[in-house]
Amino acid sequence: MSMFADGLDQAVQRAFTRPVPKSAGAQMRYLVKQLKGTRAVAQMLRISQRTVERYVKDQIKKPRPDLATRMDREVKARWQPQIRARAKERAATTGGIVIDTRARLGYTAPIGSTDQDRIRHLTVALPPHYAARLFEAQEAGTTDQRLKELAAEALKDVYFQDGGRRAGSLEEVRFTDIEHLDFDL
């Protein structure tokens, strides 16, 4: 996955009301229940059906690190879909989303302005329509570059131009060298 898509997923996961299954057996049983069978889980995780059955019966308790990562990712992707949908809807309609980043930010502006890129640490509350655009782009499977462009556009409008009250001649915001990125609903 990507930095932006992972950040959006983590923001939504903070809205979960119950903890995600931790043990390998509990995760495997959840996946078997969701996919309605051991064969589908085995194909998805690229392991044998017998291995899935052994995890379900707790005959195997400690998966390989790569398998543990895949299982965890698949469980979190399917965990509490209604809570996930409600959190996204709330962010996209009323709540908005908060972006916390430390990155090199600069902009393109007319000659005579100080448009030098510099490292900035920003925590900015983005309006709901930007949250909706980010979640729609993520669900459509867009690239990390496109999500970065959407975030830069949002920062341009909210942070640099203050919703149209200043820096009206600002053309483009450069959002590079990201050291830290976190989203919150």
Foldseek 3Di string as FASTA:
>chain_A
DDPLLVQVLVQLLVLDPDDFDDWQLVLLVVVCVVVVHLVVVCVQLVHDSVVSVCSVVVVDTDDDPVSSVSSVVVSSVPPPPVSSVVVLVCCQPPQPKKKWWWFFKFFDFDPPDPRDTDTDTDIFGFHNNLSNVLVVCVVVPHDPVVSVQSVQVRCCCCPVCVNPVDPVRTDGMDTDDIPDIHMHD
